[in-house]
Amino acid sequence: MAYVLVPFLWGFSEAVFFFIVPDVWLTYLVCVNGWKGIWRALLITVAGALLGGLCVYGVGLQWSSEVRQVLERIPGISMPMIESSWKDLAVRGEMAMAVGILKGIPYKIFAAGAGSLQMNIVLFLVASVLVRSIRFLFSVSITLGICKLFFEKKVPNWKAIRVWVLLLFWGA
């Protein structure tokens, strides 16, 4: 049950208000289980993020100025970040979301901005699926690659320390 509920709720929560990315759970899963079961967790996380993004889109559509103030209260988000991201959305459209993930800009900012700018909801949802899927897949692929390359065969008792390695990675 945790393999379904945790990724869905984490994807949803991070898209709406939570500031710790679902990549933390996904990288843990891939580190512990390898590719076994990760595809399902990825899809479920994207589904949660999509539902959360849709909710935030709706809030941005109805309460554009208020949503900015709420977003600014989330750790790691500032008004200049919101304003520049929304300007990018106005100029580049959905492509701004793809560029934004490379800059570490939270998805919720783009979801609220897309609603505020009354962007096409279908295009927003398609872009959301692509952007979130690529981000999560990248995280788990890099994590698994690092685990296999540097630890799996070189560190005795690797399975016992892998969680500590992840904690160091995400805590850095």
N, C-alpha and C. Protein backbone atom coordinates (compact mmCIF):
# COMPACT_ATOMS: atom_id res chain seq x y z
N MET A 1 0.81 -1.19 0.00
CA MET A 1 0.00 0.00 0.00
C MET A 1 0.86 1.27 0.00
N ALA A 2 1.97 1.25 0.75
CA ALA A 2 2.86 2.41 0.81
C ALA A 2 3.45 2.72 -0.56
N TYR A 3 3.63 1.68 -1.38
CA TYR A 3 4.21 1.88 -2.71
C TYR A 3 3.24 2.59 -3.65
N VAL A 4 1.98 2.68 -3.27
CA VAL A 4 0.98 3.41 -4.07
C VAL A 4 0.66 4.74 -3.39
N LEU A 5 0.37 4.69 -2.12
CA LEU A 5 -0.09 5.88 -1.40
C LEU A 5 1.01 6.94 -1.25
N VAL A 6 2.19 6.52 -0.85
CA VAL A 6 3.27 7.49 -0.61
C VAL A 6 3.63 8.27 -1.88
N PRO A 7 3.90 7.60 -3.01
CA PRO A 7 4.26 8.40 -4.19
C PRO A 7 3.12 9.31 -4.68
N PHE A 8 1.89 8.83 -4.59
CA PHE A 8 0.77 9.67 -5.04
C PHE A 8 0.63 10.90 -4.15
N LEU A 9 0.59 10.68 -2.84
CA LEU A 9 0.42 11.80 -1.92
C LEU A 9 1.61 12.76 -1.95
N TRP A 10 2.81 12.21 -2.11
CA TRP A 10 4.00 13.06 -2.16
C TRP A 10 3.99 13.89 -3.44
N GLY A 11 3.65 13.27 -4.57
CA GLY A 11 3.55 14.00 -5.83
C GLY A 11 2.51 15.10 -5.76
N PHE A 12 1.36 14.78 -5.19
CA PHE A 12 0.29 15.77 -5.03
C PHE A 12 0.72 16.89 -4.09
N SER A 13 1.22 16.52 -2.93
CA SER A 13 1.59 17.51 -1.91
C SER A 13 2.67 18.46 -2.40
N GLU A 14 3.67 17.93 -3.08
CA GLU A 14 4.75 18.79 -3.56
C GLU A 14 4.25 19.72 -4.65
N ALA A 15 3.29 19.29 -5.43
CA ALA A 15 2.72 20.15 -6.48
C ALA A 15 1.89 21.28 -5.88
N VAL A 16 1.38 21.07 -4.67
CA VAL A 16 0.49 22.05 -4.05
C VAL A 16 1.20 22.92 -3.01
N PHE A 17 1.82 22.30 -2.00
CA PHE A 17 2.37 23.10 -0.90
C PHE A 17 3.68 22.58 -0.33
N PHE A 18 3.94 21.29 -0.43
CA PHE A 18 5.10 20.68 0.21
C PHE A 18 6.37 21.12 -0.51
N PHE A 19 7.46 21.29 0.21
CA PHE A 19 8.68 21.79 -0.39
C PHE A 19 9.77 20.73 -0.54
N ILE A 20 9.51 19.51 -0.11
CA ILE A 20 10.48 18.42 -0.32
C ILE A 20 10.01 17.60 -1.51
N VAL A 21 10.87 17.49 -2.51
CA VAL A 21 10.49 16.87 -3.79
C VAL A 21 10.26 15.37 -3.65
N PRO A 22 9.35 14.80 -4.47
CA PRO A 22 9.08 13.37 -4.43
C PRO A 22 10.28 12.53 -4.87
N ASP A 23 11.26 13.19 -5.46
CA ASP A 23 12.47 12.49 -5.88
C ASP A 23 13.13 11.79 -4.69
N VAL A 24 12.95 12.32 -3.49
CA VAL A 24 13.54 11.71 -2.30
C VAL A 24 13.02 10.29 -2.13
N TRP A 25 11.71 10.11 -2.20
CA TRP A 25 11.10 8.78 -2.07
C TRP A 25 11.48 7.90 -3.26
N LEU A 26 11.41 8.46 -4.46
CA LEU A 26 11.70 7.67 -5.66
C LEU A 26 13.15 7.19 -5.69
N THR A 27 14.08 8.06 -5.28
CA THR A 27 15.48 7.63 -5.27
C THR A 27 15.73 6.59 -4.19
N TYR A 28 15.01 6.69 -3.10
CA TYR A 28 15.10 5.65 -2.07
C TYR A 28 14.63 4.30 -2.65
N LEU A 29 13.48 4.33 -3.32
CA LEU A 29 12.95 3.08 -3.90
C LEU A 29 13.91 2.46 -4.90
N VAL A 30 14.48 3.29 -5.78
CA VAL A 30 15.37 2.74 -6.80
C VAL A 30 16.67 2.26 -6.18
N CYS A 31 17.10 2.91 -5.13
CA CYS A 31 18.33 2.51 -4.44
C CYS A 31 18.13 1.16 -3.74
N VAL A 32 16.96 0.96 -3.19
CA VAL A 32 16.67 -0.27 -2.46
C VAL A 32 16.27 -1.41 -3.40
N ASN A 33 15.44 -1.12 -4.41
CA ASN A 33 14.87 -2.17 -5.26
C ASN A 33 15.40 -2.20 -6.69
N GLY A 34 16.23 -1.26 -7.08
CA GLY A 34 16.63 -1.17 -8.48
C GLY A 34 15.42 -0.77 -9.31
N TRP A 35 15.39 -1.20 -10.55
CA TRP A 35 14.28 -0.83 -11.44
C TRP A 35 12.99 -1.55 -11.10
N LYS A 36 13.07 -2.59 -10.25
CA LYS A 36 11.88 -3.37 -9.90
C LYS A 36 10.85 -2.49 -9.19
N GLY A 37 9.72 -2.31 -9.79
CA GLY A 37 8.63 -1.56 -9.19
C GLY A 37 8.73 -0.05 -9.35
N ILE A 38 9.84 0.45 -9.87
CA ILE A 38 10.02 1.90 -9.93
C ILE A 38 9.10 2.53 -10.98
N TRP A 39 8.83 1.80 -12.06
CA TRP A 39 7.99 2.37 -13.12
C TRP A 39 6.60 2.70 -12.60
N ARG A 40 6.07 1.79 -11.81
CA ARG A 40 4.75 2.02 -11.22
C ARG A 40 4.78 3.22 -10.27
N ALA A 41 5.82 3.29 -9.46
CA ALA A 41 5.95 4.41 -8.53
C ALA A 41 6.11 5.73 -9.28
N LEU A 42 6.84 5.71 -10.39
CA LEU A 42 7.00 6.92 -11.21
C LEU A 42 5.66 7.38 -11.76
N LEU A 43 4.90 6.45 -12.31
CA LEU A 43 3.59 6.80 -12.87
C LEU A 43 2.63 7.32 -11.81
N ILE A 44 2.65 6.70 -10.65
CA ILE A 44 1.77 7.12 -9.56
C ILE A 44 2.17 8.50 -9.05
N THR A 45 3.48 8.75 -8.97
CA THR A 45 3.96 10.07 -8.54
C THR A 45 3.54 11.14 -9.54
N VAL A 46 3.69 10.85 -10.82
CA VAL A 46 3.29 11.80 -11.86
C VAL A 46 1.78 12.05 -11.78
N ALA A 47 1.00 11.00 -11.54
CA ALA A 47 -0.46 11.17 -11.41
C ALA A 47 -0.80 12.09 -10.23
N GLY A 48 -0.13 11.90 -9.11
CA GLY A 48 -0.35 12.78 -7.96
C GLY A 48 0.05 14.21 -8.26
N ALA A 49 1.20 14.38 -8.92
CA ALA A 49 1.67 15.72 -9.28
C ALA A 49 0.71 16.38 -10.26
N LEU A 50 0.18 15.59 -11.18
CA LEU A 50 -0.76 16.12 -12.17
C LEU A 50 -2.04 16.61 -11.50
N LEU A 51 -2.57 15.83 -10.59
CA LEU A 51 -3.78 16.24 -9.86
C LEU A 51 -3.50 17.50 -9.03
N GLY A 52 -2.35 17.51 -8.35
CA GLY A 52 -1.97 18.69 -7.58
C GLY A 52 -1.78 19.90 -8.46
N GLY A 53 -1.12 19.72 -9.60
CA GLY A 53 -0.92 20.81 -10.54
C GLY A 53 -2.23 21.35 -11.07
N LEU A 54 -3.18 20.46 -11.31
CA LEU A 54 -4.51 20.87 -11.78
C LEU A 54 -5.22 21.72 -10.72
N CYS A 55 -5.11 21.31 -9.46
CA CYS A 55 -5.71 22.09 -8.37
C CYS A 55 -5.08 23.48 -8.28
N VAL A 56 -3.75 23.54 -8.36
CA VAL A 56 -3.05 24.82 -8.27
C VAL A 56 -3.36 25.69 -9.49
N TYR A 57 -3.49 25.06 -10.65
CA TYR A 57 -3.90 25.78 -11.86
C TYR A 57 -5.25 26.47 -11.60
N GLY A 58 -6.18 25.73 -11.03
CA GLY A 58 -7.51 26.28 -10.73
C GLY A 58 -7.45 27.43 -9.74
N VAL A 59 -6.60 27.29 -8.73
CA VAL A 59 -6.44 28.37 -7.75
C VAL A 59 -5.85 29.60 -8.43
N GLY A 60 -4.84 29.40 -9.28
CA GLY A 60 -4.25 30.51 -10.02
C GLY A 60 -5.25 31.19 -10.94
N LEU A 61 -6.13 30.40 -11.51
CA LEU A 61 -7.17 30.93 -12.40
C LEU A 61 -8.15 31.83 -11.65
N GLN A 62 -8.51 31.42 -10.45
CA GLN A 62 -9.51 32.15 -9.66
C GLN A 62 -8.93 33.28 -8.81
N TRP A 63 -7.75 33.05 -8.23
CA TRP A 63 -7.18 33.99 -7.27
C TRP A 63 -5.71 34.27 -7.60
N SER A 64 -5.49 34.93 -8.70
CA SER A 64 -4.14 35.17 -9.21
C SER A 64 -3.23 35.91 -8.23
N SER A 65 -3.66 37.01 -7.70
CA SER A 65 -2.79 37.78 -6.81
C SER A 65 -2.62 37.10 -5.45
N GLU A 66 -3.66 36.47 -4.96
CA GLU A 66 -3.58 35.79 -3.67
C GLU A 66 -2.65 34.59 -3.70
N VAL A 67 -2.65 33.86 -4.82
CA VAL A 67 -1.83 32.66 -4.91
C VAL A 67 -0.34 33.02 -4.87
N ARG A 68 0.02 34.18 -5.38
CA ARG A 68 1.42 34.63 -5.32
C ARG A 68 1.86 34.77 -3.86
N GLN A 69 1.00 35.36 -3.05
CA GLN A 69 1.34 35.57 -1.64
C GLN A 69 1.46 34.24 -0.90
N VAL A 70 0.61 33.30 -1.23
CA VAL A 70 0.67 31.98 -0.60
C VAL A 70 1.94 31.26 -1.03
N LEU A 71 2.25 31.29 -2.32
CA LEU A 71 3.46 30.64 -2.82
C LEU A 71 4.72 31.20 -2.16
N GLU A 72 4.73 32.50 -1.95
CA GLU A 72 5.92 33.15 -1.38
C GLU A 72 6.21 32.67 0.03
N ARG A 73 5.22 32.15 0.71
CA ARG A 73 5.41 31.66 2.08
C ARG A 73 6.01 30.26 2.14
N ILE A 74 6.08 29.59 1.01
CA ILE A 74 6.64 28.23 0.97
C ILE A 74 8.17 28.35 0.97
N PRO A 75 8.85 27.57 1.82
CA PRO A 75 10.32 27.63 1.86
C PRO A 75 10.93 27.42 0.47
N GLY A 76 11.91 28.25 0.15
CA GLY A 76 12.61 28.13 -1.12
C GLY A 76 11.99 28.90 -2.27
N ILE A 77 10.87 29.57 -2.01
CA ILE A 77 10.19 30.34 -3.05
C ILE A 77 10.18 31.81 -2.66
N SER A 78 10.51 32.66 -3.62
CA SER A 78 10.52 34.11 -3.38
C SER A 78 9.65 34.79 -4.44
N MET A 79 9.26 36.02 -4.16
CA MET A 79 8.45 36.77 -5.12
C MET A 79 9.21 37.00 -6.44
N PRO A 80 10.51 37.34 -6.41
CA PRO A 80 11.22 37.47 -7.69
C PRO A 80 11.22 36.16 -8.50
N MET A 81 11.30 35.01 -7.82
CA MET A 81 11.25 33.72 -8.52
C MET A 81 9.88 33.53 -9.17
N ILE A 82 8.83 33.87 -8.45
CA ILE A 82 7.47 33.74 -8.98
C ILE A 82 7.29 34.65 -10.19
N GLU A 83 7.67 35.91 -10.03
CA GLU A 83 7.47 36.88 -11.11
C GLU A 83 8.26 36.53 -12.36
N SER A 84 9.52 36.13 -12.20
CA SER A 84 10.31 35.79 -13.40
C SER A 84 9.79 34.52 -14.06
N SER A 85 9.32 33.56 -13.27
CA SER A 85 8.76 32.32 -13.83
C SER A 85 7.47 32.60 -14.59
N TRP A 86 6.63 33.46 -14.05
CA TRP A 86 5.38 33.80 -14.71
C TRP A 86 5.64 34.60 -15.99
N LYS A 87 6.67 35.44 -15.98
CA LYS A 87 7.04 36.17 -17.21
C LYS A 87 7.51 35.18 -18.27
N ASP A 88 8.33 34.20 -17.85
CA ASP A 88 8.77 33.16 -18.79
C ASP A 88 7.58 32.40 -19.37
N LEU A 89 6.61 32.08 -18.53
CA LEU A 89 5.40 31.39 -19.01
C LEU A 89 4.67 32.23 -20.04
N ALA A 90 4.57 33.52 -19.78
CA ALA A 90 3.87 34.42 -20.71
C ALA A 90 4.58 34.49 -22.05
N VAL A 91 5.90 34.43 -22.03
CA VAL A 91 6.69 34.55 -23.27
C VAL A 91 6.88 33.20 -23.97
N ARG A 92 7.28 32.19 -23.21
CA ARG A 92 7.63 30.88 -23.79
C ARG A 92 6.52 29.86 -23.74
N GLY A 93 5.48 30.13 -23.01
CA GLY A 93 4.41 29.15 -22.85
C GLY A 93 4.89 27.95 -22.05
N GLU A 94 4.39 26.80 -22.40
CA GLU A 94 4.70 25.57 -21.67
C GLU A 94 6.19 25.23 -21.69
N MET A 95 6.93 25.73 -22.68
CA MET A 95 8.38 25.49 -22.74
C MET A 95 9.08 26.04 -21.50
N ALA A 96 8.51 27.06 -20.90
CA ALA A 96 9.10 27.65 -19.69
C ALA A 96 9.18 26.61 -18.57
N MET A 97 8.24 25.68 -18.54
CA MET A 97 8.26 24.64 -17.51
C MET A 97 9.47 23.73 -17.70
N ALA A 98 9.79 23.41 -18.94
CA ALA A 98 10.94 22.54 -19.21
C ALA A 98 12.24 23.23 -18.80
N VAL A 99 12.35 24.51 -19.09
CA VAL A 99 13.53 25.27 -18.70
C VAL A 99 13.57 25.42 -17.18
N GLY A 100 12.41 25.59 -16.59
CA GLY A 100 12.31 25.78 -15.15
C GLY A 100 12.82 24.62 -14.33
N ILE A 101 12.59 23.39 -14.80
CA ILE A 101 13.08 22.24 -14.03
C ILE A 101 14.60 22.21 -14.01
N LEU A 102 15.22 22.73 -15.05
CA LEU A 102 16.68 22.78 -15.08
C LEU A 102 17.22 23.83 -14.10
N LYS A 103 16.41 24.81 -13.81
CA LYS A 103 16.80 25.87 -12.88
C LYS A 103 16.38 25.58 -11.44
N GLY A 104 15.65 24.48 -11.24
CA GLY A 104 15.19 24.13 -9.90
C GLY A 104 13.99 24.93 -9.42
N ILE A 105 13.22 25.44 -10.36
CA ILE A 105 12.03 26.22 -10.00
C ILE A 105 10.88 25.25 -9.73
N PRO A 106 10.24 25.37 -8.57
CA PRO A 106 9.16 24.45 -8.22
C PRO A 106 8.01 24.46 -9.23
N TYR A 107 7.52 23.27 -9.51
CA TYR A 107 6.41 23.06 -10.45
C TYR A 107 5.18 23.87 -10.06
N LYS A 108 4.91 23.98 -8.75
CA LYS A 108 3.71 24.68 -8.28
C LYS A 108 3.67 26.13 -8.75
N ILE A 109 4.84 26.75 -8.94
CA ILE A 109 4.89 28.13 -9.44
C ILE A 109 4.36 28.17 -10.87
N PHE A 110 4.76 27.20 -11.68
CA PHE A 110 4.30 27.17 -13.07
C PHE A 110 2.82 26.80 -13.15
N ALA A 111 2.38 25.91 -12.26
CA ALA A 111 0.96 25.53 -12.26
C ALA A 111 0.08 26.73 -11.93
N ALA A 112 0.47 27.49 -10.91
CA ALA A 112 -0.30 28.68 -10.53
C ALA A 112 -0.23 29.73 -11.64
N GLY A 113 0.95 29.89 -12.22
CA GLY A 113 1.13 30.87 -13.30
C GLY A 113 0.32 30.52 -14.53
N ALA A 114 0.28 29.23 -14.86
CA ALA A 114 -0.50 28.80 -16.03
C ALA A 114 -1.97 29.12 -15.83
N GLY A 115 -2.47 28.91 -14.62
CA GLY A 115 -3.86 29.25 -14.33
C GLY A 115 -4.08 30.75 -14.38
N SER A 116 -3.18 31.49 -13.77
CA SER A 116 -3.28 32.94 -13.74
C SER A 116 -3.27 33.55 -15.14
N LEU A 117 -2.45 32.96 -16.01
CA LEU A 117 -2.35 33.45 -17.39
C LEU A 117 -3.43 32.85 -18.30
N GLN A 118 -4.28 32.02 -17.73
CA GLN A 118 -5.36 31.35 -18.47
C GLN A 118 -4.82 30.59 -19.69
N MET A 119 -3.73 29.87 -19.46
CA MET A 119 -3.15 29.07 -20.53
C MET A 119 -4.07 27.89 -20.83
N ASN A 120 -3.93 27.34 -22.00
CA ASN A 120 -4.73 26.18 -22.41
C ASN A 120 -4.48 25.04 -21.43
N ILE A 121 -5.53 24.58 -20.80
CA ILE A 121 -5.39 23.56 -19.75
C ILE A 121 -4.88 22.23 -20.30
N VAL A 122 -5.29 21.88 -21.51
CA VAL A 122 -4.84 20.61 -22.10
C VAL A 122 -3.33 20.66 -22.36
N LEU A 123 -2.87 21.76 -22.93
CA LEU A 123 -1.42 21.91 -23.17
C LEU A 123 -0.65 21.93 -21.85
N PHE A 124 -1.22 22.58 -20.86
CA PHE A 124 -0.58 22.61 -19.54
C PHE A 124 -0.46 21.19 -18.97
N LEU A 125 -1.52 20.40 -19.07
CA LEU A 125 -1.49 19.03 -18.53
C LEU A 125 -0.51 18.14 -19.29
N VAL A 126 -0.48 18.27 -20.61
CA VAL A 126 0.47 17.49 -21.42
C VAL A 126 1.90 17.87 -21.04
N ALA A 127 2.17 19.16 -20.96
CA ALA A 127 3.50 19.63 -20.58
C ALA A 127 3.85 19.16 -19.17
N SER A 128 2.88 19.16 -18.28
CA SER A 128 3.10 18.71 -16.90
C SER A 128 3.52 17.26 -16.85
N VAL A 129 2.82 16.41 -17.60
CA VAL A 129 3.17 14.99 -17.63
C VAL A 129 4.59 14.81 -18.14
N LEU A 130 4.93 15.49 -19.22
CA LEU A 130 6.27 15.36 -19.79
C LEU A 130 7.35 15.88 -18.84
N VAL A 131 7.14 17.07 -18.32
CA VAL A 131 8.16 17.69 -17.46
C VAL A 131 8.35 16.91 -16.17
N ARG A 132 7.27 16.53 -15.53
CA ARG A 132 7.39 15.78 -14.27
C ARG A 132 7.99 14.39 -14.52
N SER A 133 7.56 13.72 -15.59
CA SER A 133 8.10 12.39 -15.90
C SER A 133 9.60 12.45 -16.15
N ILE A 134 10.02 13.41 -16.94
CA ILE A 134 11.45 13.55 -17.25
C ILE A 134 12.24 13.83 -15.98
N ARG A 135 11.74 14.72 -15.16
CA ARG A 135 12.44 15.07 -13.92
C ARG A 135 12.61 13.85 -13.02
N PHE A 136 11.51 13.12 -12.78
CA PHE A 136 11.57 11.98 -11.88
C PHE A 136 12.43 10.86 -12.46
N LEU A 137 12.30 10.61 -13.75
CA LEU A 137 13.10 9.58 -14.40
C LEU A 137 14.58 9.93 -14.33
N PHE A 138 14.91 11.18 -14.53
CA PHE A 138 16.29 11.63 -14.44
C PHE A 138 16.85 11.37 -13.04
N SER A 139 16.09 11.73 -12.02
CA SER A 139 16.54 11.54 -10.63
C SER A 139 16.83 10.08 -10.31
N VAL A 140 15.89 9.20 -10.68
CA VAL A 140 16.09 7.79 -10.35
C VAL A 140 17.20 7.18 -11.19
N SER A 141 17.34 7.60 -12.43
CA SER A 141 18.40 7.06 -13.29
C SER A 141 19.78 7.46 -12.76
N ILE A 142 19.93 8.71 -12.41
CA ILE A 142 21.21 9.19 -11.86
C ILE A 142 21.52 8.47 -10.55
N THR A 143 20.53 8.35 -9.69
CA THR A 143 20.74 7.68 -8.40
C THR A 143 21.16 6.24 -8.59
N LEU A 144 20.46 5.51 -9.45
CA LEU A 144 20.80 4.12 -9.68
C LEU A 144 22.19 4.00 -10.30
N GLY A 145 22.51 4.89 -11.22
CA GLY A 145 23.83 4.88 -11.84
C GLY A 145 24.93 5.11 -10.82
N ILE A 146 24.75 6.08 -9.94
CA ILE A 146 25.74 6.37 -8.90
C ILE A 146 25.87 5.18 -7.95
N CYS A 147 24.74 4.61 -7.56
CA CYS A 147 24.77 3.46 -6.65
C CYS A 147 25.55 2.30 -7.26
N LYS A 148 25.26 2.00 -8.51
CA LYS A 148 25.93 0.87 -9.16
C LYS A 148 27.40 1.16 -9.44
N LEU A 149 27.69 2.35 -9.91
CA LEU A 149 29.05 2.71 -10.30
C LEU A 149 30.00 2.82 -9.11
N PHE A 150 29.56 3.47 -8.07
CA PHE A 150 30.46 3.76 -6.97
C PHE A 150 30.34 2.87 -5.75
N PHE A 151 29.20 2.24 -5.56
CA PHE A 151 29.00 1.54 -4.30
C PHE A 151 28.73 0.05 -4.40
N GLU A 152 27.84 -0.35 -5.28
CA GLU A 152 27.31 -1.71 -5.25
C GLU A 152 28.37 -2.80 -5.18
N LYS A 153 29.38 -2.73 -6.03
CA LYS A 153 30.38 -3.81 -6.06
C LYS A 153 31.65 -3.43 -5.31
N LYS A 154 31.78 -2.17 -4.93
CA LYS A 154 33.03 -1.71 -4.33
C LYS A 154 32.96 -1.57 -2.81
N VAL A 155 31.77 -1.44 -2.29
CA VAL A 155 31.62 -1.22 -0.85
C VAL A 155 31.02 -2.47 -0.22
N PRO A 156 31.78 -3.10 0.67
CA PRO A 156 31.22 -4.26 1.36
C PRO A 156 29.99 -3.85 2.17
N ASN A 157 29.05 -4.71 2.22
CA ASN A 157 27.83 -4.47 2.99
C ASN A 157 27.07 -3.23 2.48
N TRP A 158 27.07 -3.03 1.18
CA TRP A 158 26.43 -1.88 0.55
C TRP A 158 24.96 -1.75 0.94
N LYS A 159 24.26 -2.86 0.97
CA LYS A 159 22.82 -2.80 1.26
C LYS A 159 22.54 -2.22 2.64
N ALA A 160 23.45 -2.40 3.56
CA ALA A 160 23.25 -1.88 4.92
C ALA A 160 23.44 -0.37 5.00
N ILE A 161 24.23 0.21 4.10
CA ILE A 161 24.52 1.64 4.20
C ILE A 161 23.82 2.50 3.14
N ARG A 162 23.08 1.90 2.23
CA ARG A 162 22.51 2.67 1.12
C ARG A 162 21.57 3.79 1.57
N VAL A 163 20.82 3.57 2.63
CA VAL A 163 19.93 4.62 3.11
C VAL A 163 20.75 5.80 3.63
N TRP A 164 21.87 5.53 4.28
CA TRP A 164 22.74 6.60 4.77
C TRP A 164 23.33 7.39 3.61
N VAL A 165 23.67 6.70 2.54
CA VAL A 165 24.19 7.39 1.36
C VAL A 165 23.13 8.34 0.80
N LEU A 166 21.88 7.88 0.73
CA LEU A 166 20.80 8.74 0.25
C LEU A 166 20.57 9.93 1.18
N LEU A 167 20.63 9.69 2.48
CA LEU A 167 20.46 10.80 3.42
C LEU A 167 21.54 11.85 3.24
N LEU A 168 22.77 11.41 3.03
CA LEU A 168 23.86 12.35 2.78
C LEU A 168 23.64 13.10 1.47
N PHE A 169 23.18 12.38 0.45
CA PHE A 169 22.94 12.99 -0.86
C PHE A 169 21.88 14.07 -0.77
N TRP A 170 20.75 13.76 -0.15
CA TRP A 170 19.65 14.73 -0.08
C TRP A 170 19.89 15.79 0.98
N GLY A 171 20.73 15.50 1.95
CA GLY A 171 21.03 16.49 2.98
C GLY A 171 22.10 17.48 2.58
N ALA A 172 22.83 17.17 1.53
CA ALA A 172 23.95 18.04 1.11
C ALA A 172 23.47 19.31 0.47
